[in-house]
Amino acid sequence: MNGREWLVEAHGCSPDALADPGVLRRLFDRIVADLALHPVQPAQWHKFPGPGGVTGLCLLAESHLACHTFPEHGSICVNLFCCRPRPEWDWNANLRDALGADEVVVRSFERAYAAVPAAAV
């Protein structure tokens, strides 16, 4: 099994967008559609009270997509893990478009798994 994991941080985002579950739901929908991912159930969302942020989690047949926002800092953290290869996604352009991000930092990791011999378990 081979896959890829993306750890993404965006800064300078619109605090209003980061506090709006609808905006984040549309972002998840775009990621899922563009990367041909397969949710196993609808994403779950939690809006923290007052000026707090939003946490979202979508369980995927490929693994998971998650985010946590910090409107007070204008930032979002996104984690996408896919156990099967997927094409690169333009995190910069998409987070600028959806959230008004000024800076996007993307770390991508190849995840390669080899079979473990029965004697080693």
C-alpha atoms as a PDB file:
ATOM      1  CA  MET A   1       0.000   0.000   0.000  1.00  0.00           C
ATOM      2  CA  ASN A   2       1.297   3.426  -0.912  1.00  0.00           C
ATOM      3  CA  GLY A   3      -0.187   6.788  -0.256  1.00  0.00           C
ATOM      4  CA  ARG A   4       0.367  10.429   0.474  1.00  0.00           C
ATOM      5  CA  GLU A   5      -0.320  12.692   3.404  1.00  0.00           C
ATOM      6  CA  TRP A   6      -0.647  16.455   3.189  1.00  0.00           C
ATOM      7  CA  LEU A   7      -0.186  18.740   6.199  1.00  0.00           C
ATOM      8  CA  VAL A   8      -1.302  22.212   5.211  1.00  0.00           C
ATOM      9  CA  GLU A   9      -1.260  25.479   7.144  1.00  0.00           C
ATOM     10  CA  ALA A  10      -2.725  28.684   5.737  1.00  0.00           C
ATOM     11  CA  HIS A  11      -2.347  32.125   7.280  1.00  0.00           C
ATOM     12  CA  GLY A  12      -3.866  35.534   6.609  1.00  0.00           C
ATOM     13  CA  CYS A  13      -7.283  33.971   6.027  1.00  0.00           C
ATOM     14  CA  SER A  14     -10.597  35.746   6.461  1.00  0.00           C
ATOM     15  CA  PRO A  15     -11.698  35.304  10.101  1.00  0.00           C
ATOM     16  CA  ASP A  16     -15.338  35.247   8.948  1.00  0.00           C
ATOM     17  CA  ALA A  17     -14.655  32.404   6.505  1.00  0.00           C
ATOM     18  CA  LEU A  18     -12.741  30.449   9.157  1.00  0.00           C
ATOM     19  CA  ALA A  19     -15.698  30.690  11.550  1.00  0.00           C
ATOM     20  CA  ASP A  20     -18.280  29.616   8.957  1.00  0.00           C
ATOM     21  CA  PRO A  21     -18.954  25.860   8.756  1.00  0.00           C
ATOM     22  CA  GLY A  22     -20.680  26.390   5.390  1.00  0.00           C
ATOM     23  CA  VAL A  23     -17.523  27.838   3.832  1.00  0.00           C
ATOM     24  CA  LEU A  24     -15.463  24.958   5.197  1.00  0.00           C
ATOM     25  CA  ARG A  25     -18.037  22.394   4.062  1.00  0.00           C
ATOM     26  CA  ARG A  26     -17.759  23.778   0.520  1.00  0.00           C
ATOM     27  CA  LEU A  27     -13.959  23.588   0.765  1.00  0.00           C
ATOM     28  CA  PHE A  28     -14.164  19.911   1.794  1.00  0.00           C
ATOM     29  CA  ASP A  29     -16.627  19.267  -1.062  1.00  0.00           C
ATOM     30  CA  ARG A  30     -14.148  20.787  -3.527  1.00  0.00           C
ATOM     31  CA  ILE A  31     -11.253  18.691  -2.202  1.00  0.00           C
ATOM     32  CA  VAL A  32     -13.337  15.500  -2.304  1.00  0.00           C
ATOM     33  CA  ALA A  33     -14.568  16.167  -5.846  1.00  0.00           C
ATOM     34  CA  ASP A  34     -11.241  17.326  -7.310  1.00  0.00           C
ATOM     35  CA  LEU A  35      -9.304  14.379  -5.873  1.00  0.00           C
ATOM     36  CA  ALA A  36     -12.061  11.795  -6.508  1.00  0.00           C
ATOM     37  CA  LEU A  37     -12.202  10.840  -2.827  1.00  0.00           C
ATOM     38  CA  HIS A  38     -14.880   8.608  -1.316  1.00  0.00           C
ATOM     39  CA  PRO A  39     -16.474   9.740   1.972  1.00  0.00           C
ATOM     40  CA  VAL A  40     -17.879   6.836   3.976  1.00  0.00           C
ATOM     41  CA  GLN A  41     -20.294   9.155   5.798  1.00  0.00           C
ATOM     42  CA  PRO A  42     -21.022  12.882   5.862  1.00  0.00           C
ATOM     43  CA  ALA A  43     -18.355  15.106   7.379  1.00  0.00           C
ATOM     44  CA  GLN A  44     -18.792  16.051  11.019  1.00  0.00           C
ATOM     45  CA  TRP A  45     -18.444  19.677  12.103  1.00  0.00           C
ATOM     46  CA  HIS A  46     -18.070  21.399  15.440  1.00  0.00           C
ATOM     47  CA  LYS A  47     -18.318  25.181  15.781  1.00  0.00           C
ATOM     48  CA  PHE A  48     -16.745  26.477  18.968  1.00  0.00           C
ATOM     49  CA  PRO A  49     -18.742  29.143  20.831  1.00  0.00           C
ATOM     50  CA  GLY A  50     -18.334  32.867  20.376  1.00  0.00           C
ATOM     51  CA  PRO A  51     -15.501  33.905  18.100  1.00  0.00           C
ATOM     52  CA  GLY A  52     -14.068  30.364  18.154  1.00  0.00           C
ATOM     53  CA  GLY A  53     -13.120  28.295  15.167  1.00  0.00           C
ATOM     54  CA  VAL A  54     -14.423  25.166  13.526  1.00  0.00           C
ATOM     55  CA  THR A  55     -13.188  21.585  13.545  1.00  0.00           C
ATOM     56  CA  GLY A  56     -14.154  19.272  10.703  1.00  0.00           C
ATOM     57  CA  LEU A  57     -13.551  15.605   9.996  1.00  0.00           C
ATOM     58  CA  CYS A  58     -14.495  13.528   6.976  1.00  0.00           C
ATOM     59  CA  LEU A  59     -13.813   9.801   7.092  1.00  0.00           C
ATOM     60  CA  LEU A  60     -12.784   8.581   3.667  1.00  0.00           C
ATOM     61  CA  ALA A  61     -12.470   5.153   2.140  1.00  0.00           C
ATOM     62  CA  GLU A  62      -8.919   6.407   1.473  1.00  0.00           C
ATOM     63  CA  SER A  63      -8.461   7.510   5.132  1.00  0.00           C
ATOM     64  CA  HIS A  64      -9.394  11.025   6.335  1.00  0.00           C
ATOM     65  CA  LEU A  65      -9.660  14.747   5.714  1.00  0.00           C
ATOM     66  CA  ALA A  66      -9.592  17.038   8.753  1.00  0.00           C
ATOM     67  CA  CYS A  67      -9.293  20.727   9.547  1.00  0.00           C
ATOM     68  CA  HIS A  68      -9.168  23.069  12.496  1.00  0.00           C
ATOM     69  CA  THR A  69      -9.506  26.828  12.192  1.00  0.00           C
ATOM     70  CA  PHE A  70      -8.253  29.680  14.324  1.00  0.00           C
ATOM     71  CA  PRO A  71     -10.195  32.807  13.283  1.00  0.00           C
ATOM     72  CA  GLU A  72      -8.450  34.870  15.962  1.00  0.00           C
ATOM     73  CA  HIS A  73      -5.147  34.136  14.192  1.00  0.00           C
ATOM     74  CA  GLY A  74      -6.476  34.009  10.618  1.00  0.00           C
ATOM     75  CA  SER A  75      -5.238  30.450  10.164  1.00  0.00           C
ATOM     76  CA  ILE A  76      -6.372  26.953   9.287  1.00  0.00           C
ATOM     77  CA  CYS A  77      -4.652  23.573   9.596  1.00  0.00           C
ATOM     78  CA  VAL A  78      -5.690  20.838   7.153  1.00  0.00           C
ATOM     79  CA  ASN A  79      -4.651  17.188   7.147  1.00  0.00           C
ATOM     80  CA  LEU A  80      -5.467  14.867   4.247  1.00  0.00           C
ATOM     81  CA  PHE A  81      -4.279  11.277   4.254  1.00  0.00           C
ATOM     82  CA  CYS A  82      -4.873   9.019   1.248  1.00  0.00           C
ATOM     83  CA  CYS A  83      -3.779   5.403   1.254  1.00  0.00           C
ATOM     84  CA  ARG A  84      -3.756   5.454  -2.544  1.00  0.00           C
ATOM     85  CA  PRO A  85      -1.799   7.878  -4.731  1.00  0.00           C
ATOM     86  CA  ARG A  86      -3.623  11.054  -5.721  1.00  0.00           C
ATOM     87  CA  PRO A  87      -2.588  13.895  -8.000  1.00  0.00           C
ATOM     88  CA  GLU A  88      -1.192  17.080  -6.522  1.00  0.00           C
ATOM     89  CA  TRP A  89      -3.858  19.610  -5.551  1.00  0.00           C
ATOM     90  CA  ASP A  90      -3.234  23.338  -5.806  1.00  0.00           C
ATOM     91  CA  TRP A  91      -3.594  24.099  -2.109  1.00  0.00           C
ATOM     92  CA  ASN A  92      -2.248  27.629  -2.621  1.00  0.00           C
ATOM     93  CA  ALA A  93      -4.791  28.703  -5.218  1.00  0.00           C
ATOM     94  CA  ASN A  94      -7.711  26.883  -3.631  1.00  0.00           C
ATOM     95  CA  LEU A  95      -7.150  28.203  -0.088  1.00  0.00           C
ATOM     96  CA  ARG A  96      -6.581  31.709  -1.408  1.00  0.00           C
ATOM     97  CA  ASP A  97      -9.851  31.441  -3.335  1.00  0.00           C
ATOM     98  CA  ALA A  98     -11.936  29.830  -0.558  1.00  0.00           C
ATOM     99  CA  LEU A  99     -10.503  31.576   2.506  1.00  0.00           C
ATOM    100  CA  GLY A 100      -8.500  34.569   1.291  1.00  0.00           C
ATOM    101  CA  ALA A 101      -5.224  33.027   2.518  1.00  0.00           C
ATOM    102  CA  ASP A 102      -2.100  35.183   2.145  1.00  0.00           C
ATOM    103  CA  GLU A 103       0.380  32.382   2.869  1.00  0.00           C
ATOM    104  CA  VAL A 104      -0.005  28.635   2.406  1.00  0.00           C
ATOM    105  CA  VAL A 105       2.558  26.120   3.652  1.00  0.00           C
ATOM    106  CA  VAL A 106       2.192  22.593   2.264  1.00  0.00           C
ATOM    107  CA  ARG A 107       4.121  19.603   3.525  1.00  0.00           C
ATOM    108  CA  SER A 108       3.590  16.381   1.637  1.00  0.00           C
ATOM    109  CA  PHE A 109       4.762  12.955   2.706  1.00  0.00           C
ATOM    110  CA  GLU A 110       4.926   9.731   0.748  1.00  0.00           C
ATOM    111  CA  ARG A 111       3.601   6.865   2.822  1.00  0.00           C
ATOM    112  CA  ALA A 112       4.927   3.505   1.656  1.00  0.00           C
ATOM    113  CA  TYR A 113       4.103   0.344   3.515  1.00  0.00           C
ATOM    114  CA  ALA A 114       5.812  -2.976   3.012  1.00  0.00           C
ATOM    115  CA  ALA A 115       4.459  -6.332   4.050  1.00  0.00           C
ATOM    116  CA  VAL A 116       5.719  -7.384   7.470  1.00  0.00           C
ATOM    117  CA  PRO A 117       6.944 -11.002   7.584  1.00  0.00           C
ATOM    118  CA  ALA A 118       4.820 -13.147   9.903  1.00  0.00           C
ATOM    119  CA  ALA A 119       7.890 -13.984  12.021  1.00  0.00           C
ATOM    120  CA  ALA A 120       8.411 -10.278  12.756  1.00  0.00           C
ATOM    121  CA  VAL A 121       4.929  -9.759  14.241  1.00  0.00           C
END
